[in-house]
C-alpha atoms as a PDB file:
ATOM      1  CA  MET A   1      76.996 141.347 -11.192  1.00  0.00           C
ATOM      2  CA  SER A   2      74.800 140.517 -14.215  1.00  0.00           C
ATOM      3  CA  CYS A   3      72.360 138.397 -11.842  1.00  0.00           C
ATOM      4  CA  ILE A   4      71.755 141.954  -9.378  1.00  0.00           C
ATOM      5  CA  MET A   5      71.101 143.633 -12.187  1.00  0.00           C
ATOM      6  CA  LEU A   6      68.505 140.891 -12.815  1.00  0.00           C
ATOM      7  CA  LEU A   7      67.088 141.431  -9.613  1.00  0.00           C
ATOM      8  CA  TYR A   8      66.707 144.774  -9.275  1.00  0.00           C
ATOM      9  CA  LEU A   9      64.899 144.550 -13.553  1.00  0.00           C
ATOM     10  CA  GLY A  10      62.649 141.726 -12.994  1.00  0.00           C
ATOM     11  CA  PRO A  11      59.596 141.838 -13.565  1.00  0.00           C
ATOM     12  CA  ARG A  12      58.569 142.088  -9.810  1.00  0.00           C
ATOM     13  CA  PRO A  13      58.832 145.664  -8.525  1.00  0.00           C
ATOM     14  CA  LYS A  14      58.158 144.910  -5.266  1.00  0.00           C
ATOM     15  CA  ARG A  15      61.245 142.920  -4.832  1.00  0.00           C
ATOM     16  CA  SER A  16      64.119 144.943  -5.865  1.00  0.00           C
ATOM     17  CA  ILE A  17      63.686 146.942  -2.871  1.00  0.00           C
ATOM     18  CA  SER A  18      64.164 144.189  -0.553  1.00  0.00           C
ATOM     19  CA  PRO A  19      67.394 144.541   1.823  1.00  0.00           C
ATOM     20  CA  ASN A  20      68.844 141.469   0.642  1.00  0.00           C
ATOM     21  CA  GLY A  21      69.310 142.850  -2.664  1.00  0.00           C
ATOM     22  CA  PHE A  22      70.620 145.974  -1.452  1.00  0.00           C
ATOM     23  CA  TRP A  23      72.747 144.262   1.422  1.00  0.00           C
ATOM     24  CA  VAL A  24      73.852 142.659  -2.236  1.00  0.00           C
ATOM     25  CA  SER A  25      74.789 145.313  -4.143  1.00  0.00           C
ATOM     26  CA  MET A  26      76.490 146.587  -1.228  1.00  0.00           C
ATOM     27  CA  MET A  27      78.775 144.332  -0.761  1.00  0.00           C
ATOM     28  CA  VAL A  28      79.922 144.148  -4.008  1.00  0.00           C
ATOM     29  CA  LEU A  29      80.424 147.481  -4.452  1.00  0.00           C
ATOM     30  CA  GLY A  30      82.353 147.311  -1.462  1.00  0.00           C
ATOM     31  CA  THR A  31      84.430 145.015  -2.207  1.00  0.00           C
ATOM     32  CA  LEU A  32      85.034 146.657  -6.117  1.00  0.00           C
ATOM     33  CA  TYR A  33      85.973 149.495  -3.344  1.00  0.00           C
ATOM     34  CA  THR A  34      87.779 147.500  -1.503  1.00  0.00           C
ATOM     35  CA  LYS A  35      89.004 145.578  -4.169  1.00  0.00           C
ATOM     36  CA  TYR A  36      90.189 148.794  -6.833  1.00  0.00           C
ATOM     37  CA  LEU A  37      91.056 151.970  -3.761  1.00  0.00           C
ATOM     38  CA  PRO A  38      94.958 150.527  -3.255  1.00  0.00           C
ATOM     39  CA  VAL A  39      95.650 149.685  -7.040  1.00  0.00           C
ATOM     40  CA  PHE A  40      93.947 153.619  -8.168  1.00  0.00           C
ATOM     41  CA  ILE A  41      96.267 154.846  -4.474  1.00  0.00           C
ATOM     42  CA  LYS A  42      99.350 153.270  -6.269  1.00  0.00           C
ATOM     43  CA  GLY A  43      98.820 154.522  -9.584  1.00  0.00           C
ATOM     44  CA  PHE A  44      97.751 157.852  -7.914  1.00  0.00           C
ATOM     45  CA  HIS A  45     101.775 157.823  -6.192  1.00  0.00           C
ATOM     46  CA  LEU A  46     103.469 157.112  -8.955  1.00  0.00           C
ATOM     47  CA  ARG A  47     101.836 159.100 -11.127  1.00  0.00           C
ATOM     48  CA  TYR A  48     101.830 162.824  -8.733  1.00  0.00           C
ATOM     49  CA  PHE A  49     104.750 161.934  -6.325  1.00  0.00           C
ATOM     50  CA  LEU A  50     107.826 160.264  -8.479  1.00  0.00           C
END
């Protein structure tokens, strides 16, 4: 996670808007989303439907 932050905050501004960095960040966000969305939905159902 810190490597991605270093990519965006690095000394090369042209490098931070590269497609590779964009896709890596999208993949990390996608994995976090798919990993924690079922947990959130389960907690939501437990909180409001039981």
